[in-house]
Protein backbone atom coordinates (compact mmCIF):
# COMPACT_ATOMS: atom_id res chain seq x y z
CA MET A 1 134.43 133.31 122.57
CA PRO A 2 133.27 129.81 121.52
CA ASP A 3 129.72 131.16 121.64
CA GLN A 4 130.68 133.72 118.98
CA GLU A 5 132.68 131.36 116.83
CA ASP A 6 129.99 128.75 116.20
CA ALA A 7 126.62 130.49 116.54
CA LEU A 8 125.30 129.45 113.11
CA THR A 9 126.72 125.96 113.47
CA ARG A 10 125.03 125.51 116.86
CA LEU A 11 121.73 126.82 115.52
CA VAL A 12 121.77 124.30 112.67
CA GLN A 13 122.91 121.46 114.91
CA GLU A 14 119.99 122.13 117.29
CA HIS A 15 117.67 121.08 114.45
CA VAL A 16 119.70 118.73 112.24
CA GLY A 17 121.42 115.43 112.89
CA ARG A 18 121.01 112.15 114.70
CA GLY A 19 118.27 112.39 117.31
CA ARG A 20 117.12 115.77 116.01
CA ARG A 21 113.99 116.88 114.19
CA LEU A 22 115.70 116.79 110.77
CA THR A 23 118.16 114.49 109.08
CA VAL A 24 120.94 116.08 107.04
CA ARG A 25 119.16 114.89 103.90
CA GLY A 26 115.82 116.29 105.08
CA PHE A 27 117.48 119.61 105.86
CA GLU A 28 119.15 119.74 102.47
CA GLU A 29 115.88 118.96 100.66
CA ALA A 30 113.99 121.69 102.56
CA ALA A 31 116.77 124.28 102.29
CA VAL A 32 115.50 126.32 99.35
CA ASP A 33 115.65 130.12 99.27
CA PRO A 34 112.02 131.21 98.86
CA LYS A 35 113.05 134.35 96.93
CA SER A 36 115.51 132.97 94.38
CA GLY A 37 114.65 129.27 94.41
CA ARG A 38 118.32 128.48 95.07
CA ARG A 39 118.87 125.17 96.84
CA LEU A 40 121.70 124.37 99.21
CA SER A 41 124.04 121.85 97.64
CA LYS A 42 124.67 118.58 99.45
CA SER A 43 128.19 119.73 100.27
CA THR A 44 127.05 123.13 101.62
CA ALA A 45 124.35 121.50 103.73
CA GLY A 46 126.89 119.02 105.11
CA ASN A 47 129.46 121.74 105.71
CA VAL A 48 127.08 123.96 107.67
CA VAL A 49 125.89 121.00 109.78
CA ASN A 50 129.47 119.95 110.50
CA GLY A 51 130.67 123.45 111.36
CA HIS A 52 132.86 123.99 108.31
CA GLN A 53 133.18 127.39 106.68
CA ILE A 54 130.62 128.18 103.99
CA LYS A 55 130.20 131.08 101.58
CA VAL A 56 127.59 133.25 103.27
CA THR A 57 125.16 135.04 100.97
CA PRO A 58 121.61 136.25 101.55
CA GLU A 59 120.35 133.37 99.40
CA VAL A 60 122.24 130.78 101.43
CA LEU A 61 121.01 132.21 104.73
CA ARG A 62 117.39 132.28 103.54
CA ALA A 63 117.77 128.69 102.33
CA ILE A 64 119.15 127.63 105.72
CA ALA A 65 116.22 129.37 107.44
CA ALA A 66 113.76 127.60 105.14
CA GLY A 67 115.47 124.26 105.75
CA LEU A 68 115.27 124.73 109.50
CA ASP A 69 111.81 126.35 109.34
CA VAL A 70 112.97 129.29 111.48
CA ASP A 71 112.79 133.06 111.07
CA PRO A 72 115.47 134.22 108.60
CA ALA A 73 116.42 136.99 111.06
CA VAL A 74 117.51 134.32 113.55
CA VAL A 75 119.77 132.68 110.95
CA ARG A 76 121.12 136.05 109.82
CA ALA A 77 121.95 137.07 113.40
CA ALA A 78 123.72 133.76 114.04
CA ALA A 79 125.75 134.12 110.83
CA ILE A 80 126.72 137.70 111.70
CA ARG A 81 127.79 136.56 115.14
CA GLN A 82 129.82 133.61 113.81
CA TYR A 83 131.34 135.11 110.68
CA ILE A 84 131.75 138.78 111.58
CA GLY A 85 132.02 138.63 115.36
CA ILE A 86 129.35 141.15 116.25
CA GLU A 87 125.81 140.88 117.46
CA VAL A 88 122.83 143.14 117.07
CA THR A 89 120.74 143.94 120.14
CA ASP A 90 118.27 146.47 121.48
CA PRO A 91 119.97 148.78 124.01
CA TYR A 92 116.54 149.60 125.46
CA ASP A 93 115.53 145.96 126.05
CA THR A 94 112.17 146.71 124.41
CA GLU A 95 109.78 143.80 124.42
CA PRO A 96 108.47 142.97 120.94
CA GLY A 97 105.25 144.85 120.28
CA GLU A 98 105.78 147.41 123.06
CA ALA A 99 106.87 150.29 120.85
CA ASP A 100 106.41 151.61 117.35
CA THR A 101 110.15 152.13 116.97
CA VAL A 102 112.65 149.34 117.38
CA VAL A 103 116.31 150.24 117.72
CA ARG A 104 119.12 147.80 117.04
CA VAL A 105 122.82 148.42 117.66
CA ALA A 106 125.68 146.34 116.28
CA HIS A 107 128.39 145.75 118.88
CA GLU A 108 131.05 143.34 120.02
CA VAL A 109 129.75 140.01 121.19
CA GLY A 110 129.12 139.98 124.93
CA ALA A 111 129.01 143.76 125.46
CA THR A 112 127.39 144.61 128.77
CA ALA A 113 124.48 146.99 129.35
CA ALA A 114 126.94 149.49 130.84
CA GLU A 115 129.06 149.31 127.68
CA LEU A 116 125.95 149.96 125.56
CA GLU A 117 124.96 152.97 127.66
CA GLN A 118 126.94 155.35 125.44
CA ALA A 119 125.01 154.16 122.37
CA ARG A 120 121.77 154.68 124.25
CA ARG A 121 122.78 158.24 125.23
CA VAL A 122 123.53 159.03 121.59
CA LEU A 123 120.20 157.58 120.47
CA ASP A 124 118.38 159.60 123.12
CA ASN A 125 120.05 162.78 121.84
CA PRO A 126 119.61 162.75 118.03
CA GLU A 127 120.24 166.50 117.71
CA GLY A 128 123.65 166.14 119.36
CA GLU A 129 122.89 168.74 122.00
CA PRO A 130 125.36 169.00 124.92
CA ASP A 131 124.47 166.98 127.99
CA ALA A 132 122.66 168.94 130.68
CA GLN A 133 124.97 169.34 133.64
């Protein structure tokens, strides 16, 4: 469970801190939501780097992504994993660019492929027809 409990914290700490690409100050200065212009406060930047609870909003997550210079979807997924305790994955293991349709399923952290099989069966049967015996 530690993987679940600190996913966003670990993501930020991979980029920010002593010996990392960004200082805490550099992260804070770059952490500006490109949509709203909202900046992370010094305390919020410090709290997220140090693994303390923060108020998660779309603006804050976009600002963190901008500060780290990573895809906002990566930050969003880490926050969902840490704060809600679920992850979103593709039950078909589709490689990016292989298909026109991408399917994502929210599930408990660490669910196995076998545990996701039921979701895949449902997705493969959108009309809800009985299974062929």
